[in-house]
C-alpha atoms as a PDB file:
ATOM      1  CA  MET A   1       0.025  -0.004  -0.021  1.00  0.00           C
ATOM      2  CA  ASN A   2       1.199   3.449  -0.861  1.00  0.00           C
ATOM      3  CA  ILE A   3      -0.578   6.722  -0.445  1.00  0.00           C
ATOM      4  CA  HIS A   4       0.686   7.893  -3.826  1.00  0.00           C
ATOM      5  CA  GLN A   5      -0.815   4.901  -5.688  1.00  0.00           C
ATOM      6  CA  LEU A   6      -4.398   5.020  -4.617  1.00  0.00           C
ATOM      7  CA  PRO A   7      -7.268   3.079  -6.152  1.00  0.00           C
ATOM      8  CA  THR A   8     -10.062   5.262  -7.600  1.00  0.00           C
ATOM      9  CA  PRO A   9     -12.542   5.760  -6.175  1.00  0.00           C
ATOM     10  CA  LEU A  10     -10.993   5.441  -2.779  1.00  0.00           C
ATOM     11  CA  PHE A  11     -13.248   4.047  -0.042  1.00  0.00           C
ATOM     12  CA  ILE A  12     -12.453   5.710   3.229  1.00  0.00           C
ATOM     13  CA  ALA A  13     -14.265   4.508   6.408  1.00  0.00           C
ATOM     14  CA  HIS A  14     -15.305   7.539   8.491  1.00  0.00           C
ATOM     15  CA  ARG A  15     -14.166   7.029  12.078  1.00  0.00           C
ATOM     16  CA  GLY A  16     -13.933   3.434  11.068  1.00  0.00           C
ATOM     17  CA  TYR A  17     -17.016   1.413  10.114  1.00  0.00           C
ATOM     18  CA  SER A  18     -19.055   3.798  12.173  1.00  0.00           C
ATOM     19  CA  ALA A  19     -22.405   2.752  10.743  1.00  0.00           C
ATOM     20  CA  CYS A  20     -22.072  -0.650  12.401  1.00  0.00           C
ATOM     21  CA  TYR A  21     -19.606  -0.174  15.207  1.00  0.00           C
ATOM     22  CA  PRO A  22     -18.945   2.485  17.887  1.00  0.00           C
ATOM     23  CA  GLU A  23     -16.896   5.223  16.091  1.00  0.00           C
ATOM     24  CA  ASN A  24     -13.155   5.614  16.547  1.00  0.00           C
ATOM     25  CA  THR A  25     -12.737   2.304  18.358  1.00  0.00           C
ATOM     26  CA  LEU A  26     -10.626  -0.700  17.481  1.00  0.00           C
ATOM     27  CA  ALA A  27     -13.876  -2.592  16.732  1.00  0.00           C
ATOM     28  CA  ALA A  28     -14.770   0.044  14.125  1.00  0.00           C
ATOM     29  CA  PHE A  29     -11.309  -0.049  12.526  1.00  0.00           C
ATOM     30  CA  ASN A  30     -11.181  -3.831  12.360  1.00  0.00           C
ATOM     31  CA  GLY A  31     -14.695  -3.750  10.931  1.00  0.00           C
ATOM     32  CA  ALA A  32     -13.561  -1.469   8.184  1.00  0.00           C
ATOM     33  CA  ILE A  33     -10.792  -3.933   7.322  1.00  0.00           C
ATOM     34  CA  ASP A  34     -13.365  -6.712   7.083  1.00  0.00           C
ATOM     35  CA  ALA A  35     -15.668  -4.573   4.969  1.00  0.00           C
ATOM     36  CA  GLY A  36     -12.968  -3.931   2.375  1.00  0.00           C
ATOM     37  CA  ALA A  37     -12.328  -0.288   2.980  1.00  0.00           C
ATOM     38  CA  HIS A  38      -9.065   1.118   1.429  1.00  0.00           C
ATOM     39  CA  MET A  39      -8.485   3.582   4.221  1.00  0.00           C
ATOM     40  CA  ILE A  40      -9.802   4.526   7.678  1.00  0.00           C
ATOM     41  CA  GLU A  41     -10.346   8.077   8.859  1.00  0.00           C
ATOM     42  CA  LEU A  42      -9.884   8.880  12.493  1.00  0.00           C
ATOM     43  CA  ASP A  43      -9.659  11.872  14.913  1.00  0.00           C
ATOM     44  CA  VAL A  44      -6.809  12.650  17.266  1.00  0.00           C
ATOM     45  CA  CYS A  45      -6.818  14.873  20.288  1.00  0.00           C
ATOM     46  CA  LEU A  46      -4.357  15.473  23.154  1.00  0.00           C
ATOM     47  CA  SER A  47      -5.107  14.298  26.663  1.00  0.00           C
ATOM     48  CA  LYS A  48      -4.302  16.337  29.748  1.00  0.00           C
ATOM     49  CA  ASP A  49      -0.905  14.649  30.009  1.00  0.00           C
ATOM     50  CA  ARG A  50      -0.301  15.142  26.282  1.00  0.00           C
ATOM     51  CA  HIS A  51      -0.898  11.670  24.827  1.00  0.00           C
ATOM     52  CA  LEU A  52      -2.479  11.085  21.435  1.00  0.00           C
ATOM     53  CA  VAL A  53      -6.007   9.809  21.904  1.00  0.00           C
ATOM     54  CA  VAL A  54      -8.459   8.789  19.163  1.00  0.00           C
ATOM     55  CA  ILE A  55     -11.811  10.517  19.700  1.00  0.00           C
ATOM     56  CA  HIS A  56     -13.766  13.042  17.641  1.00  0.00           C
ATOM     57  CA  ASP A  57     -15.417  15.324  20.111  1.00  0.00           C
ATOM     58  CA  GLU A  58     -13.820  17.922  22.449  1.00  0.00           C
ATOM     59  CA  THR A  59     -15.565  16.158  25.285  1.00  0.00           C
ATOM     60  CA  VAL A  60     -16.157  12.447  26.215  1.00  0.00           C
ATOM     61  CA  ASP A  61     -19.833  12.886  26.943  1.00  0.00           C
ATOM     62  CA  ARG A  62     -21.366  11.706  23.570  1.00  0.00           C
ATOM     63  CA  THR A  63     -19.238   8.571  22.992  1.00  0.00           C
ATOM     64  CA  THR A  64     -18.324   7.238  26.428  1.00  0.00           C
ATOM     65  CA  ASN A  65     -19.827   6.841  29.904  1.00  0.00           C
ATOM     66  CA  GLY A  66     -17.749   9.646  31.168  1.00  0.00           C
ATOM     67  CA  THR A  67     -18.051  13.461  31.269  1.00  0.00           C
ATOM     68  CA  GLY A  68     -15.633  16.344  30.741  1.00  0.00           C
ATOM     69  CA  ALA A  69     -13.219  17.736  28.192  1.00  0.00           C
ATOM     70  CA  VAL A  70     -10.680  15.373  26.658  1.00  0.00           C
ATOM     71  CA  LYS A  71      -7.942  17.860  27.380  1.00  0.00           C
ATOM     72  CA  ALA A  72      -8.913  17.913  31.108  1.00  0.00           C
ATOM     73  CA  LEU A  73      -8.568  14.132  31.503  1.00  0.00           C
ATOM     74  CA  SER A  74      -5.342  12.070  31.726  1.00  0.00           C
ATOM     75  CA  LEU A  75      -4.739   9.150  29.437  1.00  0.00           C
ATOM     76  CA  ASP A  76      -5.290   6.760  32.365  1.00  0.00           C
ATOM     77  CA  GLN A  77      -8.686   8.321  33.027  1.00  0.00           C
ATOM     78  CA  LEU A  78      -9.611   8.262  29.313  1.00  0.00           C
ATOM     79  CA  ILE A  79      -8.732   4.653  28.629  1.00  0.00           C
ATOM     80  CA  ARG A  80     -10.844   3.520  31.572  1.00  0.00           C
ATOM     81  CA  LEU A  81     -14.019   4.800  30.020  1.00  0.00           C
ATOM     82  CA  ASP A  82     -16.563   2.557  28.275  1.00  0.00           C
ATOM     83  CA  ALA A  83     -16.485   3.768  24.626  1.00  0.00           C
ATOM     84  CA  GLY A  84     -18.911   1.208  23.247  1.00  0.00           C
ATOM     85  CA  SER A  85     -22.133   0.823  25.252  1.00  0.00           C
ATOM     86  CA  TRP A  86     -23.578   4.105  23.947  1.00  0.00           C
ATOM     87  CA  PHE A  87     -23.757   2.435  20.575  1.00  0.00           C
ATOM     88  CA  ASP A  88     -24.748  -1.052  21.612  1.00  0.00           C
ATOM     89  CA  PRO A  89     -24.344  -2.917  24.960  1.00  0.00           C
ATOM     90  CA  ARG A  90     -22.427  -5.709  23.164  1.00  0.00           C
ATOM     91  CA  PHE A  91     -19.511  -3.249  22.666  1.00  0.00           C
ATOM     92  CA  ASN A  92     -19.141  -2.583  26.437  1.00  0.00           C
ATOM     93  CA  THR A  93     -15.473  -3.693  26.456  1.00  0.00           C
ATOM     94  CA  GLU A  94     -14.443  -1.125  23.818  1.00  0.00           C
ATOM     95  CA  ARG A  95     -12.182   1.629  25.138  1.00  0.00           C
ATOM     96  CA  LEU A  96     -10.756   4.868  23.629  1.00  0.00           C
ATOM     97  CA  PRO A  97      -7.621   3.814  21.821  1.00  0.00           C
ATOM     98  CA  THR A  98      -4.381   5.617  21.514  1.00  0.00           C
ATOM     99  CA  LEU A  99      -3.161   6.505  18.051  1.00  0.00           C
ATOM    100  CA  ALA A 100      -0.304   4.001  18.439  1.00  0.00           C
ATOM    101  CA  GLN A 101      -2.804   1.213  19.179  1.00  0.00           C
ATOM    102  CA  VAL A 102      -4.722   2.000  16.033  1.00  0.00           C
ATOM    103  CA  LEU A 103      -1.630   2.211  13.818  1.00  0.00           C
ATOM    104  CA  ASP A 104      -0.427  -1.186  15.195  1.00  0.00           C
ATOM    105  CA  ALA A 105      -3.885  -2.791  14.540  1.00  0.00           C
ATOM    106  CA  VAL A 106      -4.205  -1.637  10.919  1.00  0.00           C
ATOM    107  CA  ASN A 107      -0.602  -1.545   9.696  1.00  0.00           C
ATOM    108  CA  GLY A 108      -0.333  -3.656   6.573  1.00  0.00           C
ATOM    109  CA  HIS A 109      -4.164  -3.874   6.195  1.00  0.00           C
ATOM    110  CA  LEU A 110      -5.226  -0.427   4.968  1.00  0.00           C
ATOM    111  CA  MET A 111      -4.108   3.193   4.847  1.00  0.00           C
ATOM    112  CA  VAL A 112      -4.910   5.836   7.470  1.00  0.00           C
ATOM    113  CA  ASN A 113      -6.233   9.342   7.359  1.00  0.00           C
ATOM    114  CA  ILE A 114      -5.380  10.980  10.619  1.00  0.00           C
ATOM    115  CA  GLU A 115      -7.471  14.076  11.237  1.00  0.00           C
ATOM    116  CA  ILE A 116      -5.856  16.290  13.966  1.00  0.00           C
ATOM    117  CA  LYS A 117      -8.541  18.241  15.766  1.00  0.00           C
ATOM    118  CA  PRO A 118      -7.968  21.991  15.705  1.00  0.00           C
ATOM    119  CA  GLU A 119      -8.643  22.297  19.459  1.00  0.00           C
ATOM    120  CA  SER A 120      -5.286  20.542  20.004  1.00  0.00           C
ATOM    121  CA  PHE A 121      -3.399  23.110  17.990  1.00  0.00           C
ATOM    122  CA  GLU A 122      -0.857  25.255  19.888  1.00  0.00           C
ATOM    123  CA  ALA A 123       0.276  28.379  18.118  1.00  0.00           C
ATOM    124  CA  ASP A 124       3.502  28.552  20.141  1.00  0.00           C
ATOM    125  CA  GLY A 125       4.555  25.152  18.726  1.00  0.00           C
ATOM    126  CA  PRO A 126       6.054  23.294  21.760  1.00  0.00           C
ATOM    127  CA  PRO A 127       8.420  20.413  21.196  1.00  0.00           C
ATOM    128  CA  ASP A 128       5.595  17.914  21.916  1.00  0.00           C
ATOM    129  CA  ALA A 129       2.972  19.690  19.876  1.00  0.00           C
ATOM    130  CA  VAL A 130       0.309  17.372  18.614  1.00  0.00           C
ATOM    131  CA  GLU A 131       1.448  17.533  14.968  1.00  0.00           C
ATOM    132  CA  ARG A 132       5.055  16.751  16.004  1.00  0.00           C
ATOM    133  CA  GLN A 133       3.853  13.788  18.054  1.00  0.00           C
ATOM    134  CA  VAL A 134       1.750  12.422  15.186  1.00  0.00           C
ATOM    135  CA  LEU A 135       4.736  12.742  12.756  1.00  0.00           C
ATOM    136  CA  ASN A 136       7.095  11.067  15.160  1.00  0.00           C
ATOM    137  CA  LEU A 137       4.802   8.194  15.716  1.00  0.00           C
ATOM    138  CA  VAL A 138       4.128   7.739  11.950  1.00  0.00           C
ATOM    139  CA  ARG A 139       7.876   7.722  11.364  1.00  0.00           C
ATOM    140  CA  GLU A 140       8.373   5.285  14.277  1.00  0.00           C
ATOM    141  CA  LYS A 141       5.901   2.813  12.753  1.00  0.00           C
ATOM    142  CA  ASN A 142       7.411   3.281   9.257  1.00  0.00           C
ATOM    143  CA  MET A 143       4.015   4.289   7.868  1.00  0.00           C
ATOM    144  CA  LEU A 144       4.866   7.576   6.193  1.00  0.00           C
ATOM    145  CA  ASP A 145       3.825   6.202   2.814  1.00  0.00           C
ATOM    146  CA  GLU A 146       0.504   4.898   4.221  1.00  0.00           C
ATOM    147  CA  VAL A 147      -0.670   7.967   6.065  1.00  0.00           C
ATOM    148  CA  LEU A 148      -2.542  11.094   5.149  1.00  0.00           C
ATOM    149  CA  VAL A 149      -2.839  13.862   7.747  1.00  0.00           C
ATOM    150  CA  SER A 150      -5.786  16.294   7.531  1.00  0.00           C
ATOM    151  CA  SER A 151      -7.135  19.166   9.639  1.00  0.00           C
ATOM    152  CA  PHE A 152      -9.370  22.203   9.600  1.00  0.00           C
ATOM    153  CA  GLU A 153      -6.382  23.974  11.152  1.00  0.00           C
ATOM    154  CA  TRP A 154      -4.226  24.690   8.090  1.00  0.00           C
ATOM    155  CA  LEU A 155      -1.353  26.358  10.105  1.00  0.00           C
ATOM    156  CA  MET A 156      -0.844  22.940  11.713  1.00  0.00           C
ATOM    157  CA  LEU A 157      -0.610  21.368   8.262  1.00  0.00           C
ATOM    158  CA  GLU A 158       1.943  23.997   7.289  1.00  0.00           C
ATOM    159  CA  ASN A 159       3.991  23.107  10.394  1.00  0.00           C
ATOM    160  CA  LEU A 160       3.933  19.405   9.281  1.00  0.00           C
ATOM    161  CA  ARG A 161       5.067  20.366   5.761  1.00  0.00           C
ATOM    162  CA  GLU A 162       8.074  22.162   7.194  1.00  0.00           C
ATOM    163  CA  LEU A 163       8.904  19.141   9.396  1.00  0.00           C
ATOM    164  CA  GLU A 164       8.420  16.506   6.672  1.00  0.00           C
ATOM    165  CA  PRO A 165       8.520  17.191   2.914  1.00  0.00           C
ATOM    166  CA  GLY A 166       7.207  13.696   2.102  1.00  0.00           C
ATOM    167  CA  ILE A 167       4.026  13.575   4.228  1.00  0.00           C
ATOM    168  CA  ALA A 168       0.609  13.698   2.509  1.00  0.00           C
ATOM    169  CA  LEU A 169      -1.548  16.586   3.694  1.00  0.00           C
ATOM    170  CA  GLY A 170      -5.252  17.166   3.323  1.00  0.00           C
ATOM    171  CA  LEU A 171      -7.172  20.413   3.820  1.00  0.00           C
ATOM    172  CA  LEU A 172     -10.553  20.000   5.520  1.00  0.00           C
ATOM    173  CA  SER A 173     -13.299  22.570   5.076  1.00  0.00           C
ATOM    174  CA  ASP A 174     -17.017  22.925   5.451  1.00  0.00           C
ATOM    175  CA  VAL A 175     -17.340  25.805   2.976  1.00  0.00           C
ATOM    176  CA  PRO A 176     -16.890  25.810  -0.841  1.00  0.00           C
ATOM    177  CA  ALA A 177     -13.370  26.033  -2.321  1.00  0.00           C
ATOM    178  CA  ASP A 178     -12.282  29.653  -2.944  1.00  0.00           C
ATOM    179  CA  GLU A 179      -9.077  31.513  -3.635  1.00  0.00           C
ATOM    180  CA  ARG A 180      -8.017  31.277  -0.009  1.00  0.00           C
ATOM    181  CA  LEU A 181      -8.292  27.464  -0.045  1.00  0.00           C
ATOM    182  CA  ARG A 182      -6.444  27.231  -3.366  1.00  0.00           C
ATOM    183  CA  HIS A 183      -3.712  29.476  -2.012  1.00  0.00           C
ATOM    184  CA  TRP A 184      -3.300  27.302   1.038  1.00  0.00           C
ATOM    185  CA  TYR A 185      -3.320  24.086  -0.954  1.00  0.00           C
ATOM    186  CA  GLN A 186      -0.349  25.339  -2.963  1.00  0.00           C
ATOM    187  CA  ARG A 187       1.251  26.934   0.082  1.00  0.00           C
ATOM    188  CA  ILE A 188       1.413  23.574   2.037  1.00  0.00           C
ATOM    189  CA  LYS A 189       2.036  21.495  -1.102  1.00  0.00           C
ATOM    190  CA  GLY A 190      -1.167  19.646  -0.403  1.00  0.00           C
ATOM    191  CA  PHE A 191      -2.215  16.162  -1.459  1.00  0.00           C
ATOM    192  CA  SER A 192      -6.031  16.411  -1.065  1.00  0.00           C
ATOM    193  CA  TRP A 193      -9.056  18.505  -0.214  1.00  0.00           C
ATOM    194  CA  HIS A 194     -11.773  17.071   2.105  1.00  0.00           C
ATOM    195  CA  PRO A 195     -15.020  19.141   1.807  1.00  0.00           C
ATOM    196  CA  ASP A 196     -18.413  18.722   3.340  1.00  0.00           C
ATOM    197  CA  PHE A 197     -20.231  16.942   0.592  1.00  0.00           C
ATOM    198  CA  ARG A 198     -23.067  19.432   0.803  1.00  0.00           C
ATOM    199  CA  VAL A 199     -20.973  22.348  -0.524  1.00  0.00           C
ATOM    200  CA  LEU A 200     -19.343  20.537  -3.376  1.00  0.00           C
ATOM    201  CA  THR A 201     -19.981  21.339  -7.050  1.00  0.00           C
ATOM    202  CA  GLN A 202     -18.489  20.183 -10.291  1.00  0.00           C
ATOM    203  CA  GLN A 203     -16.679  23.450 -10.761  1.00  0.00           C
ATOM    204  CA  GLN A 204     -14.917  23.033  -7.431  1.00  0.00           C
ATOM    205  CA  VAL A 205     -13.837  19.455  -8.243  1.00  0.00           C
ATOM    206  CA  ASP A 206     -12.434  20.616 -11.621  1.00  0.00           C
ATOM    207  CA  SER A 207     -10.671  23.578  -9.995  1.00  0.00           C
ATOM    208  CA  LEU A 208      -8.967  21.423  -7.432  1.00  0.00           C
ATOM    209  CA  HIS A 209      -8.116  18.730  -9.943  1.00  0.00           C
ATOM    210  CA  ASP A 210      -6.407  21.444 -12.000  1.00  0.00           C
ATOM    211  CA  LEU A 211      -4.092  22.023  -8.964  1.00  0.00           C
ATOM    212  CA  GLY A 212      -3.297  18.330  -8.825  1.00  0.00           C
ATOM    213  CA  ALA A 213      -5.483  17.768  -5.721  1.00  0.00           C
ATOM    214  CA  ARG A 214      -7.485  14.653  -4.881  1.00  0.00           C
ATOM    215  CA  VAL A 215     -10.974  15.454  -3.746  1.00  0.00           C
ATOM    216  CA  PHE A 216     -12.432  13.358  -0.857  1.00  0.00           C
ATOM    217  CA  PRO A 217     -15.840  14.691   0.333  1.00  0.00           C
ATOM    218  CA  TYR A 218     -17.016  13.577   3.735  1.00  0.00           C
ATOM    219  CA  ALA A 219     -20.309  12.327   5.003  1.00  0.00           C
ATOM    220  CA  VAL A 220     -22.311  14.448   7.506  1.00  0.00           C
ATOM    221  CA  ASP A 221     -24.314  12.606  10.089  1.00  0.00           C
ATOM    222  CA  GLY A 222     -24.021   9.491   8.043  1.00  0.00           C
ATOM    223  CA  ARG A 223     -25.544  11.062   4.904  1.00  0.00           C
ATOM    224  CA  ILE A 224     -23.776  11.487   1.601  1.00  0.00           C
ATOM    225  CA  ASP A 225     -24.902  11.666  -1.983  1.00  0.00           C
ATOM    226  CA  SER A 226     -22.459   8.999  -3.065  1.00  0.00           C
ATOM    227  CA  ARG A 227     -23.784   8.667  -6.641  1.00  0.00           C
ATOM    228  CA  GLY A 228     -23.793  12.421  -7.110  1.00  0.00           C
ATOM    229  CA  MET A 229     -20.283  12.794  -5.799  1.00  0.00           C
ATOM    230  CA  LEU A 230     -18.890   9.981  -7.907  1.00  0.00           C
ATOM    231  CA  ALA A 231     -20.549  11.506 -10.977  1.00  0.00           C
ATOM    232  CA  MET A 232     -18.602  14.742 -10.386  1.00  0.00           C
ATOM    233  CA  GLY A 233     -15.380  12.698 -10.631  1.00  0.00           C
ATOM    234  CA  VAL A 234     -14.292  12.851  -6.957  1.00  0.00           C
ATOM    235  CA  ASP A 235     -11.326  10.668  -6.092  1.00  0.00           C
ATOM    236  CA  GLY A 236     -12.949   8.975  -3.159  1.00  0.00           C
ATOM    237  CA  LEU A 237     -15.537   9.314  -0.407  1.00  0.00           C
ATOM    238  CA  ILE A 238     -15.284   9.385   3.376  1.00  0.00           C
ATOM    239  CA  VAL A 239     -18.315   7.308   4.359  1.00  0.00           C
ATOM    240  CA  ASP A 240     -19.771   5.852   7.542  1.00  0.00           C
ATOM    241  CA  ASP A 241     -20.495   2.577   5.758  1.00  0.00           C
ATOM    242  CA  PRO A 242     -17.864   1.421   3.284  1.00  0.00           C
ATOM    243  CA  LEU A 243     -20.298  -1.148   1.964  1.00  0.00           C
ATOM    244  CA  GLN A 244     -22.309   1.727   0.604  1.00  0.00           C
ATOM    245  CA  MET A 245     -19.452   2.270  -1.801  1.00  0.00           C
ATOM    246  CA  THR A 246     -19.121  -1.286  -3.015  1.00  0.00           C
ATOM    247  CA  ALA A 247     -22.872  -1.242  -3.825  1.00  0.00           C
ATOM    248  CA  GLN A 248     -22.550   1.685  -6.316  1.00  0.00           C
END
């Protein structure tokens, strides 16, 4: 597997196979492997003691039996939480995984889109900044050619580009592509654009393709017009159910 030799269309499992498993858990990522996804998408935040934890929200309230902000809880506190029962009682043994655990579980099976949450960004750029930790871990696992890093915080992506010329970077946005986005894509030497599917038009797809970008629209609340997106010539879809793609 190589991030620069992708199948088209690319099937990316949003937070793992989140239609059938509790999102951002090892069960969801293993389910994505079994479903034939090409890549998983996951979210990374920093814990209070500055560990890389895989969870989407700023708080643990929605997807665990705990309460409070992720950044206010230590890794030990976070990994003790039940991260599966909210979805279905049979997943009561699921816990919030670390990024290292997920990379170990999927290495050699599929590629990984690591979304770094903007709330973990630190403008002063400490030595253990979240983007530095992600890059160091990817290098340690020898997965640089299998990983795509994305974020709504484009300054963080620029930091990564300065640290590693070879890493694939994706700009996330929930608004249509404009001159600012195109400027930033070129500025960070981007790999892909990940828009909210609801704002995407054929003109935008063509415009980003002219820059050499891959376009990977993402599902919102499980919904995505997969047929419409594929008809526009997008390069892949970030979907809650990868089997939705194989049915097209």
